[in-house]
Amino acid sequence: MLVGYSSSSDEEIENSSELTDSTGKRKTRPVSFEEDCHDRSANKTIRIEQMGPKTRLPVPGCLLAMFPEEEDPDNDKSLHDGRIRSFKHERGNWATYVYFPYPPDEDFTELLDELLEAAGAHGVLLTQQREFHLTVSQTVVLRHHWIQPFTQSLKAGLTTCKRFVCSAGSLRVYCNAERTRTFLGMEVAAGHAQLVEIMKMVDKTMIEFRLDTFYKDPSFHVSLAWCVGDFTAQVKDCLQELQSLIDNHEEGPFLLMMDCQELRCRAGNKTFSFPLES
C-alpha cells in the first residue's frame, strides 16, 4: 500500500478539534492521544474503501521468461498460410508424423513451376509445398512425455529395414478427410512393396501408443502443391494437361526418384532420423 506523509503544519490541523466560545469565536483545544488514534484509524478505513478492490499486478515478462513452457510451434497461425487444423491445438500436444524426405533438384523445381502456371490458367491457384516428403503415417497427436518412448519404439522396429529406391511419375489429386485442403501429388509406382513393409513397422508403434494407423490401401505419394478447400473436381479437370507436361518433358518423361535411406519422425519442431541399413 502506498502511504502519503503530511507536513508538520498539516499534522497540527489534523490533530486539533474546532470549538466555539461564548462569543462565537473559534478556538482549538489539544486532541487526546485516544481521539487522535481513533480519527487516524477511521481516516485509513475511508481511504481503503475509496480505493476499491485490489487489482492484481501483471507478472513481469522477465520472470515469465525464466520458466518457459514448451509449446507446439505449429500453433502459430502466421505459419499456416490459411490452412485449417485437422484437430484442435492444446498445450502439450505435438502434431507428429513419419516420412521420407525428398530433396528437390533443379529439373523438379522447373517442372513444378510449369505445373502451377498451367493449373493457374484454369483458375486453380496452388501453393507449392515448403518441403517435399513421402509420408508413411497419419498425422497423430503425441503428449510431450511420449515423444522419447515413441521414437525409441520406431527405432527398434526399423532395425531390420533396408535402404531402397522408389519412383513416381503419375499425378493424382488428394483431399484430406475434413475436405479443407486439396493436394496435387505424384504417386509412387516402383518401391510400393517396400513402403508397405515400412508402413507396417510404423503401424506397430502406433498401435502400441493407441494411435491411428495408416490407410488400408495406401497411395504413397509426394505432395507437390495444395490449396485451401475442396477443389478436387477443378484440379481433375486440368489433370490430363498437367500430366502431359510430365510425360512430354524435354528430356523424356520426368520420373521423381527417391532414395529411401533415412526415415524421419517430426513431432512439433523436433525431427528424429532413423538411417536404414544399406
C-alpha atoms as a PDB file:
ATOM      1  CA  MET A   1       0.000   0.000   0.000  1.00  0.00           C
ATOM      2  CA  LEU A   2       1.281   3.498  -0.786  1.00  0.00           C
ATOM      3  CA  VAL A   3       1.180   5.837   2.227  1.00  0.00           C
ATOM      4  CA  GLY A   4       1.293   9.619   1.960  1.00  0.00           C
ATOM      5  CA  TYR A   5       3.043  11.618   4.708  1.00  0.00           C
ATOM      6  CA  SER A   6       1.740  15.022   5.721  1.00  0.00           C
ATOM      7  CA  SER A   7       3.822  18.084   6.535  1.00  0.00           C
ATOM      8  CA  SER A   8       4.163  19.286  10.126  1.00  0.00           C
ATOM      9  CA  SER A   9       1.662  22.096   9.532  1.00  0.00           C
ATOM     10  CA  ASP A  10      -0.879  19.595   8.202  1.00  0.00           C
ATOM     11  CA  GLU A  11      -0.472  17.446  11.271  1.00  0.00           C
ATOM     12  CA  GLU A  12      -1.233  20.424  13.537  1.00  0.00           C
ATOM     13  CA  ILE A  13      -4.507  20.938  11.733  1.00  0.00           C
ATOM     14  CA  GLU A  14      -5.443  17.288  11.715  1.00  0.00           C
ATOM     15  CA  ASN A  15      -4.588  16.893  15.416  1.00  0.00           C
ATOM     16  CA  SER A  16      -6.951  19.620  16.631  1.00  0.00           C
ATOM     17  CA  SER A  17     -10.734  19.895  17.050  1.00  0.00           C
ATOM     18  CA  GLU A  18     -12.636  23.085  16.364  1.00  0.00           C
ATOM     19  CA  LEU A  19     -14.619  24.680  19.261  1.00  0.00           C
ATOM     20  CA  THR A  20     -16.520  27.918  19.702  1.00  0.00           C
ATOM     21  CA  ASP A  21     -16.613  30.062  22.858  1.00  0.00           C
ATOM     22  CA  SER A  22     -19.489  32.133  24.151  1.00  0.00           C
ATOM     23  CA  THR A  23     -18.641  34.956  21.789  1.00  0.00           C
ATOM     24  CA  GLY A  24     -18.897  32.648  18.798  1.00  0.00           C
ATOM     25  CA  LYS A  25     -15.182  32.793  18.068  1.00  0.00           C
ATOM     26  CA  ARG A  26     -13.482  29.581  17.059  1.00  0.00           C
ATOM     27  CA  LYS A  27     -10.734  28.207  19.212  1.00  0.00           C
ATOM     28  CA  THR A  28      -8.868  24.974  19.306  1.00  0.00           C
ATOM     29  CA  ARG A  29      -8.113  22.514  22.026  1.00  0.00           C
ATOM     30  CA  PRO A  30      -5.473  19.794  22.057  1.00  0.00           C
ATOM     31  CA  VAL A  31      -6.641  16.411  20.873  1.00  0.00           C
ATOM     32  CA  SER A  32      -6.094  13.486  23.201  1.00  0.00           C
ATOM     33  CA  PHE A  33      -3.969  10.529  22.118  1.00  0.00           C
ATOM     34  CA  GLU A  34      -7.016   8.228  22.123  1.00  0.00           C
ATOM     35  CA  GLU A  35      -9.028  10.602  19.911  1.00  0.00           C
ATOM     36  CA  ASP A  36      -6.101  11.007  17.515  1.00  0.00           C
ATOM     37  CA  CYS A  37      -5.707   7.243  17.091  1.00  0.00           C
ATOM     38  CA  HIS A  38      -9.424   6.808  16.559  1.00  0.00           C
ATOM     39  CA  ASP A  39      -9.507   9.572  13.917  1.00  0.00           C
ATOM     40  CA  ARG A  40      -6.484   8.201  12.066  1.00  0.00           C
ATOM     41  CA  SER A  41      -7.965   4.695  12.047  1.00  0.00           C
ATOM     42  CA  ALA A  42     -11.244   5.949  10.639  1.00  0.00           C
ATOM     43  CA  ASN A  43      -9.403   8.004   8.024  1.00  0.00           C
ATOM     44  CA  LYS A  44      -7.454   4.946   6.844  1.00  0.00           C
ATOM     45  CA  THR A  45     -10.673   2.920   6.608  1.00  0.00           C
ATOM     46  CA  ILE A  46     -12.274   5.570   4.414  1.00  0.00           C
ATOM     47  CA  ARG A  47      -9.217   5.722   2.158  1.00  0.00           C
ATOM     48  CA  ILE A  48      -9.146   1.941   1.709  1.00  0.00           C
ATOM     49  CA  GLU A  49     -12.853   1.835   0.881  1.00  0.00           C
ATOM     50  CA  GLN A  50     -12.355   4.589  -1.687  1.00  0.00           C
ATOM     51  CA  MET A  51      -9.570   2.634  -3.335  1.00  0.00           C
ATOM     52  CA  GLY A  52     -11.934  -0.259  -4.087  1.00  0.00           C
ATOM     53  CA  PRO A  53     -10.880  -3.897  -4.570  1.00  0.00           C
ATOM     54  CA  LYS A  54      -7.211  -4.602  -5.098  1.00  0.00           C
ATOM     55  CA  THR A  55      -6.066  -5.178  -8.675  1.00  0.00           C
ATOM     56  CA  ARG A  56      -3.537  -7.963  -9.216  1.00  0.00           C
ATOM     57  CA  LEU A  57      -0.428  -6.620 -10.880  1.00  0.00           C
ATOM     58  CA  PRO A  58       0.814  -8.439 -14.006  1.00  0.00           C
ATOM     59  CA  VAL A  59       3.812 -10.727 -13.651  1.00  0.00           C
ATOM     60  CA  PRO A  60       6.904  -9.079 -15.172  1.00  0.00           C
ATOM     61  CA  GLY A  61       7.919 -10.524 -18.522  1.00  0.00           C
ATOM     62  CA  CYS A  62      11.455 -11.188 -17.290  1.00  0.00           C
ATOM     63  CA  LEU A  63      10.073 -13.601 -14.691  1.00  0.00           C
ATOM     64  CA  LEU A  64       7.854 -15.401 -17.184  1.00  0.00           C
ATOM     65  CA  ALA A  65      10.857 -15.874 -19.468  1.00  0.00           C
ATOM     66  CA  MET A  66      12.669 -17.685 -16.673  1.00  0.00           C
ATOM     67  CA  PHE A  67      10.149 -20.543 -16.778  1.00  0.00           C
ATOM     68  CA  PRO A  68       9.172 -21.141 -20.427  1.00  0.00           C
ATOM     69  CA  GLU A  69       6.688 -23.881 -21.292  1.00  0.00           C
ATOM     70  CA  GLU A  70       7.348 -25.958 -24.381  1.00  0.00           C
ATOM     71  CA  GLU A  71       4.670 -25.428 -26.981  1.00  0.00           C
ATOM     72  CA  ASP A  72       3.861 -26.972 -30.318  1.00  0.00           C
ATOM     73  CA  PRO A  73       5.172 -24.340 -32.737  1.00  0.00           C
ATOM     74  CA  ASP A  74       2.630 -25.467 -35.315  1.00  0.00           C
ATOM     75  CA  ASN A  75       0.116 -23.435 -33.351  1.00  0.00           C
ATOM     76  CA  ASP A  76       1.469 -20.227 -34.912  1.00  0.00           C
ATOM     77  CA  LYS A  77      -1.270 -19.257 -37.385  1.00  0.00           C
ATOM     78  CA  SER A  78       1.059 -16.951 -39.291  1.00  0.00           C
ATOM     79  CA  LEU A  79       2.985 -20.029 -40.451  1.00  0.00           C
ATOM     80  CA  HIS A  80      -0.036 -21.887 -41.809  1.00  0.00           C
ATOM     81  CA  ASP A  81      -0.892 -19.812 -44.914  1.00  0.00           C
ATOM     82  CA  GLY A  82      -4.573 -20.028 -44.088  1.00  0.00           C
ATOM     83  CA  ARG A  83      -4.570 -23.782 -43.501  1.00  0.00           C
ATOM     84  CA  ILE A  84      -7.091 -25.179 -41.033  1.00  0.00           C
ATOM     85  CA  ARG A  85      -6.005 -27.615 -38.339  1.00  0.00           C
ATOM     86  CA  SER A  86      -7.314 -31.168 -38.518  1.00  0.00           C
ATOM     87  CA  PHE A  87      -7.501 -31.193 -34.720  1.00  0.00           C
ATOM     88  CA  LYS A  88      -7.700 -28.529 -32.036  1.00  0.00           C
ATOM     89  CA  HIS A  89      -4.368 -27.470 -30.598  1.00  0.00           C
ATOM     90  CA  GLU A  90      -3.908 -27.969 -26.879  1.00  0.00           C
ATOM     91  CA  ARG A  91      -0.860 -27.119 -24.816  1.00  0.00           C
ATOM     92  CA  GLY A  92       1.384 -30.163 -24.524  1.00  0.00           C
ATOM     93  CA  ASN A  93       0.012 -31.839 -27.678  1.00  0.00           C
ATOM     94  CA  TRP A  94       2.518 -32.301 -30.506  1.00  0.00           C
ATOM     95  CA  ALA A  95       1.491 -32.993 -34.114  1.00  0.00           C
ATOM     96  CA  THR A  96       3.575 -35.972 -35.236  1.00  0.00           C
ATOM     97  CA  TYR A  97       4.115 -37.892 -38.476  1.00  0.00           C
ATOM     98  CA  VAL A  98       6.663 -40.268 -40.038  1.00  0.00           C
ATOM     99  CA  TYR A  99       8.071 -39.702 -43.532  1.00  0.00           C
ATOM    100  CA  PHE A 100      10.857 -39.992 -46.076  1.00  0.00           C
ATOM    101  CA  PRO A 101      12.287 -36.606 -47.162  1.00  0.00           C
ATOM    102  CA  TYR A 102      12.640 -35.717 -50.842  1.00  0.00           C
ATOM    103  CA  PRO A 103      15.324 -33.130 -51.673  1.00  0.00           C
ATOM    104  CA  PRO A 104      14.209 -31.447 -54.940  1.00  0.00           C
ATOM    105  CA  ASP A 105      16.647 -30.920 -57.800  1.00  0.00           C
ATOM    106  CA  GLU A 106      16.615 -28.191 -60.445  1.00  0.00           C
ATOM    107  CA  ASP A 107      14.644 -30.219 -63.018  1.00  0.00           C
ATOM    108  CA  PHE A 108      11.936 -30.947 -60.487  1.00  0.00           C
ATOM    109  CA  THR A 109      11.669 -27.300 -59.435  1.00  0.00           C
ATOM    110  CA  GLU A 110      11.375 -26.074 -63.029  1.00  0.00           C
ATOM    111  CA  LEU A 111       8.730 -28.666 -63.843  1.00  0.00           C
ATOM    112  CA  LEU A 112       6.746 -27.760 -60.742  1.00  0.00           C
ATOM    113  CA  ASP A 113       6.703 -24.106 -61.792  1.00  0.00           C
ATOM    114  CA  GLU A 114       5.225 -25.159 -65.138  1.00  0.00           C
ATOM    115  CA  LEU A 115       2.566 -27.283 -63.423  1.00  0.00           C
ATOM    116  CA  LEU A 116       1.475 -24.453 -61.116  1.00  0.00           C
ATOM    117  CA  GLU A 117       1.318 -21.994 -64.018  1.00  0.00           C
ATOM    118  CA  ALA A 118      -0.810 -24.370 -66.088  1.00  0.00           C
ATOM    119  CA  ALA A 119      -3.170 -25.001 -63.160  1.00  0.00           C
ATOM    120  CA  GLY A 120      -3.450 -21.262 -62.557  1.00  0.00           C
ATOM    121  CA  ALA A 121      -4.518 -20.750 -66.166  1.00  0.00           C
ATOM    122  CA  HIS A 122      -7.544 -22.927 -65.342  1.00  0.00           C
ATOM    123  CA  GLY A 123      -8.361 -20.859 -62.253  1.00  0.00           C
ATOM    124  CA  VAL A 124      -6.786 -23.309 -59.797  1.00  0.00           C
ATOM    125  CA  LEU A 125      -4.298 -21.398 -57.638  1.00  0.00           C
ATOM    126  CA  LEU A 126      -1.976 -23.884 -55.965  1.00  0.00           C
ATOM    127  CA  THR A 127       0.675 -23.149 -53.354  1.00  0.00           C
ATOM    128  CA  GLN A 128       3.949 -25.024 -53.631  1.00  0.00           C
ATOM    129  CA  GLN A 129       4.921 -27.217 -50.688  1.00  0.00           C
ATOM    130  CA  ARG A 130       7.561 -25.697 -48.458  1.00  0.00           C
ATOM    131  CA  GLU A 131       9.300 -29.068 -48.319  1.00  0.00           C
ATOM    132  CA  PHE A 132       8.706 -32.356 -50.076  1.00  0.00           C
ATOM    133  CA  HIS A 133       8.300 -35.733 -48.455  1.00  0.00           C
ATOM    134  CA  LEU A 134       6.535 -39.077 -48.635  1.00  0.00           C
ATOM    135  CA  THR A 135       4.547 -39.927 -45.501  1.00  0.00           C
ATOM    136  CA  VAL A 136       4.112 -43.455 -44.147  1.00  0.00           C
ATOM    137  CA  SER A 137       1.870 -42.484 -41.243  1.00  0.00           C
ATOM    138  CA  GLN A 138      -1.101 -40.325 -40.498  1.00  0.00           C
ATOM    139  CA  THR A 139      -0.576 -37.129 -38.508  1.00  0.00           C
ATOM    140  CA  VAL A 140      -1.224 -38.058 -34.886  1.00  0.00           C
ATOM    141  CA  VAL A 141      -1.076 -36.245 -31.558  1.00  0.00           C
ATOM    142  CA  LEU A 142       1.623 -37.058 -29.011  1.00  0.00           C
ATOM    143  CA  ARG A 143       1.917 -35.768 -25.481  1.00  0.00           C
ATOM    144  CA  HIS A 144       5.363 -34.314 -24.879  1.00  0.00           C
ATOM    145  CA  HIS A 145       6.421 -37.094 -22.483  1.00  0.00           C
ATOM    146  CA  TRP A 146       5.509 -39.719 -25.117  1.00  0.00           C
ATOM    147  CA  ILE A 147       7.983 -38.434 -27.711  1.00  0.00           C
ATOM    148  CA  GLN A 148      11.066 -40.225 -26.415  1.00  0.00           C
ATOM    149  CA  PRO A 149       9.466 -43.681 -25.952  1.00  0.00           C
ATOM    150  CA  PHE A 150       7.635 -43.276 -29.270  1.00  0.00           C
ATOM    151  CA  THR A 151      10.830 -42.602 -31.227  1.00  0.00           C
ATOM    152  CA  GLN A 152      12.656 -45.386 -29.378  1.00  0.00           C
ATOM    153  CA  SER A 153       9.914 -47.800 -30.423  1.00  0.00           C
ATOM    154  CA  LEU A 154      10.245 -46.658 -34.060  1.00  0.00           C
ATOM    155  CA  LYS A 155      13.998 -47.144 -33.967  1.00  0.00           C
ATOM    156  CA  ALA A 156      13.681 -50.655 -32.544  1.00  0.00           C
ATOM    157  CA  GLY A 157      11.146 -51.675 -35.207  1.00  0.00           C
ATOM    158  CA  LEU A 158      13.252 -50.397 -38.108  1.00  0.00           C
ATOM    159  CA  THR A 159      16.457 -52.269 -37.262  1.00  0.00           C
ATOM    160  CA  THR A 160      15.820 -54.893 -39.965  1.00  0.00           C
ATOM    161  CA  CYS A 161      14.597 -52.499 -42.685  1.00  0.00           C
ATOM    162  CA  LYS A 162      16.943 -51.937 -45.595  1.00  0.00           C
ATOM    163  CA  ARG A 163      17.533 -48.935 -47.810  1.00  0.00           C
ATOM    164  CA  PHE A 164      15.700 -48.881 -51.165  1.00  0.00           C
ATOM    165  CA  VAL A 165      14.738 -46.624 -54.078  1.00  0.00           C
ATOM    166  CA  CYS A 166      11.216 -45.698 -55.187  1.00  0.00           C
ATOM    167  CA  SER A 167       9.942 -43.627 -58.091  1.00  0.00           C
ATOM    168  CA  ALA A 168       6.828 -41.643 -59.012  1.00  0.00           C
ATOM    169  CA  GLY A 169       5.641 -40.248 -62.327  1.00  0.00           C
ATOM    170  CA  SER A 170       1.820 -40.090 -62.309  1.00  0.00           C
ATOM    171  CA  LEU A 171      -0.118 -37.116 -60.999  1.00  0.00           C
ATOM    172  CA  ARG A 172      -3.045 -37.656 -58.662  1.00  0.00           C
ATOM    173  CA  VAL A 173      -5.433 -35.411 -56.737  1.00  0.00           C
ATOM    174  CA  TYR A 174      -5.889 -35.862 -52.981  1.00  0.00           C
ATOM    175  CA  CYS A 175      -8.178 -34.231 -50.430  1.00  0.00           C
ATOM    176  CA  ASN A 176      -7.943 -34.592 -46.661  1.00  0.00           C
ATOM    177  CA  ALA A 177     -10.704 -36.216 -44.609  1.00  0.00           C
ATOM    178  CA  GLU A 178     -12.069 -32.863 -43.413  1.00  0.00           C
ATOM    179  CA  ARG A 179     -12.265 -31.615 -47.035  1.00  0.00           C
ATOM    180  CA  THR A 180     -10.356 -28.496 -46.010  1.00  0.00           C
ATOM    181  CA  ARG A 181      -7.309 -28.929 -48.273  1.00  0.00           C
ATOM    182  CA  THR A 182      -6.712 -30.258 -51.782  1.00  0.00           C
ATOM    183  CA  PHE A 183      -3.333 -31.608 -52.894  1.00  0.00           C
ATOM    184  CA  LEU A 184      -1.639 -32.298 -56.189  1.00  0.00           C
ATOM    185  CA  GLY A 185       0.776 -35.199 -55.771  1.00  0.00           C
ATOM    186  CA  MET A 186       2.925 -37.707 -57.657  1.00  0.00           C
ATOM    187  CA  GLU A 187       2.007 -41.306 -56.861  1.00  0.00           C
ATOM    188  CA  VAL A 188       4.686 -43.927 -56.247  1.00  0.00           C
ATOM    189  CA  ALA A 189       4.899 -46.897 -58.608  1.00  0.00           C
ATOM    190  CA  ALA A 190       8.236 -48.677 -58.107  1.00  0.00           C
ATOM    191  CA  GLY A 191       9.060 -49.254 -54.440  1.00  0.00           C
ATOM    192  CA  HIS A 192       5.451 -49.629 -53.280  1.00  0.00           C
ATOM    193  CA  ALA A 193       6.046 -53.069 -51.697  1.00  0.00           C
ATOM    194  CA  GLN A 194       8.987 -51.802 -49.634  1.00  0.00           C
ATOM    195  CA  LEU A 195       6.952 -48.816 -48.458  1.00  0.00           C
ATOM    196  CA  VAL A 196       4.198 -51.167 -47.295  1.00  0.00           C
ATOM    197  CA  GLU A 197       6.738 -53.021 -45.125  1.00  0.00           C
ATOM    198  CA  ILE A 198       7.941 -49.747 -43.613  1.00  0.00           C
ATOM    199  CA  MET A 199       4.335 -48.705 -43.019  1.00  0.00           C
ATOM    200  CA  LYS A 200       3.627 -51.956 -41.133  1.00  0.00           C
ATOM    201  CA  MET A 201       6.595 -51.321 -38.843  1.00  0.00           C
ATOM    202  CA  VAL A 202       5.355 -47.793 -38.141  1.00  0.00           C
ATOM    203  CA  ASP A 203       1.819 -49.080 -37.548  1.00  0.00           C
ATOM    204  CA  LYS A 204       3.112 -51.369 -34.779  1.00  0.00           C
ATOM    205  CA  THR A 205       4.357 -48.332 -32.887  1.00  0.00           C
ATOM    206  CA  MET A 206       1.075 -46.527 -33.498  1.00  0.00           C
ATOM    207  CA  ILE A 207      -0.860 -49.469 -32.073  1.00  0.00           C
ATOM    208  CA  GLU A 208       1.458 -49.587 -29.073  1.00  0.00           C
ATOM    209  CA  PHE A 209       0.522 -45.983 -28.264  1.00  0.00           C
ATOM    210  CA  ARG A 210      -3.135 -46.446 -29.274  1.00  0.00           C
ATOM    211  CA  LEU A 211      -2.862 -44.049 -32.205  1.00  0.00           C
ATOM    212  CA  ASP A 212      -4.355 -44.197 -35.709  1.00  0.00           C
ATOM    213  CA  THR A 213      -2.577 -46.480 -38.158  1.00  0.00           C
ATOM    214  CA  PHE A 214      -2.054 -45.699 -41.857  1.00  0.00           C
ATOM    215  CA  TYR A 215      -4.676 -46.292 -44.539  1.00  0.00           C
ATOM    216  CA  LYS A 216      -5.606 -49.868 -45.510  1.00  0.00           C
ATOM    217  CA  ASP A 217      -4.997 -49.256 -49.214  1.00  0.00           C
ATOM    218  CA  PRO A 218      -2.314 -46.575 -49.145  1.00  0.00           C
ATOM    219  CA  SER A 219      -1.489 -44.387 -52.122  1.00  0.00           C
ATOM    220  CA  PHE A 220       2.081 -43.411 -51.318  1.00  0.00           C
ATOM    221  CA  HIS A 221       2.876 -40.079 -52.904  1.00  0.00           C
ATOM    222  CA  VAL A 222       4.892 -36.893 -52.752  1.00  0.00           C
ATOM    223  CA  SER A 223       2.669 -33.822 -52.416  1.00  0.00           C
ATOM    224  CA  LEU A 224       3.699 -31.060 -54.821  1.00  0.00           C
ATOM    225  CA  ALA A 225       1.251 -28.249 -54.071  1.00  0.00           C
ATOM    226  CA  TRP A 226      -2.029 -27.533 -52.283  1.00  0.00           C
ATOM    227  CA  CYS A 227      -4.910 -25.118 -51.876  1.00  0.00           C
ATOM    228  CA  VAL A 228      -7.400 -24.434 -49.101  1.00  0.00           C
ATOM    229  CA  GLY A 229     -10.809 -26.083 -49.560  1.00  0.00           C
ATOM    230  CA  ASP A 230     -12.099 -28.971 -51.633  1.00  0.00           C
ATOM    231  CA  PHE A 231     -11.084 -28.269 -55.236  1.00  0.00           C
ATOM    232  CA  THR A 232     -10.828 -31.911 -56.266  1.00  0.00           C
ATOM    233  CA  ALA A 233     -13.124 -31.528 -59.266  1.00  0.00           C
ATOM    234  CA  GLN A 234     -11.385 -28.385 -60.541  1.00  0.00           C
ATOM    235  CA  VAL A 235      -7.914 -29.945 -60.334  1.00  0.00           C
ATOM    236  CA  LYS A 236      -9.120 -33.137 -62.040  1.00  0.00           C
ATOM    237  CA  ASP A 237     -10.475 -31.053 -64.919  1.00  0.00           C
ATOM    238  CA  CYS A 238      -6.954 -29.953 -65.829  1.00  0.00           C
ATOM    239  CA  LEU A 239      -5.108 -33.059 -64.593  1.00  0.00           C
ATOM    240  CA  GLN A 240      -4.622 -34.519 -68.099  1.00  0.00           C
ATOM    241  CA  GLU A 241      -2.970 -31.320 -69.302  1.00  0.00           C
ATOM    242  CA  LEU A 242      -0.710 -31.284 -66.249  1.00  0.00           C
ATOM    243  CA  GLN A 243       0.239 -34.918 -66.784  1.00  0.00           C
ATOM    244  CA  SER A 244       1.209 -34.149 -70.383  1.00  0.00           C
ATOM    245  CA  LEU A 245       3.800 -31.673 -69.079  1.00  0.00           C
ATOM    246  CA  ILE A 246       5.404 -34.558 -67.171  1.00  0.00           C
ATOM    247  CA  ASP A 247       5.137 -37.087 -69.970  1.00  0.00           C
ATOM    248  CA  ASN A 248       6.481 -34.674 -72.605  1.00  0.00           C
ATOM    249  CA  HIS A 249       9.348 -33.329 -70.575  1.00  0.00           C
ATOM    250  CA  GLU A 250      12.198 -32.002 -72.715  1.00  0.00           C
ATOM    251  CA  GLU A 251      14.491 -34.908 -71.818  1.00  0.00           C
ATOM    252  CA  GLY A 252      11.778 -37.574 -71.802  1.00  0.00           C
ATOM    253  CA  PRO A 253       9.069 -38.408 -69.255  1.00  0.00           C
ATOM    254  CA  PHE A 254      10.006 -36.976 -65.871  1.00  0.00           C
ATOM    255  CA  LEU A 255      10.411 -39.537 -63.101  1.00  0.00           C
ATOM    256  CA  LEU A 256      10.694 -38.492 -59.479  1.00  0.00           C
ATOM    257  CA  MET A 257      13.380 -40.705 -57.919  1.00  0.00           C
ATOM    258  CA  MET A 258      13.638 -41.005 -54.137  1.00  0.00           C
ATOM    259  CA  ASP A 259      16.478 -42.685 -52.283  1.00  0.00           C
ATOM    260  CA  CYS A 260      14.778 -44.026 -49.144  1.00  0.00           C
ATOM    261  CA  GLN A 261      17.842 -44.263 -46.957  1.00  0.00           C
ATOM    262  CA  GLU A 262      16.643 -42.367 -43.895  1.00  0.00           C
ATOM    263  CA  LEU A 263      13.211 -42.400 -42.265  1.00  0.00           C
ATOM    264  CA  ARG A 264      12.291 -39.379 -40.193  1.00  0.00           C
ATOM    265  CA  CYS A 265       9.778 -38.536 -37.492  1.00  0.00           C
ATOM    266  CA  ARG A 266       8.695 -34.972 -36.850  1.00  0.00           C
ATOM    267  CA  ALA A 267       6.998 -34.047 -33.583  1.00  0.00           C
ATOM    268  CA  GLY A 268       6.284 -30.328 -33.464  1.00  0.00           C
ATOM    269  CA  ASN A 269       9.641 -28.657 -34.122  1.00  0.00           C
ATOM    270  CA  LYS A 270      11.671 -31.761 -33.246  1.00  0.00           C
ATOM    271  CA  THR A 271      12.949 -34.058 -36.004  1.00  0.00           C
ATOM    272  CA  PHE A 272      14.329 -37.559 -35.414  1.00  0.00           C
ATOM    273  CA  SER A 273      16.259 -39.535 -38.041  1.00  0.00           C
ATOM    274  CA  PHE A 274      16.465 -43.303 -38.470  1.00  0.00           C
ATOM    275  CA  PRO A 275      19.047 -44.416 -41.069  1.00  0.00           C
ATOM    276  CA  LEU A 276      18.187 -47.694 -42.803  1.00  0.00           C
ATOM    277  CA  GLU A 277      20.704 -50.455 -43.412  1.00  0.00           C
ATOM    278  CA  SER A 278      22.493 -50.431 -46.752  1.00  0.00           C
END
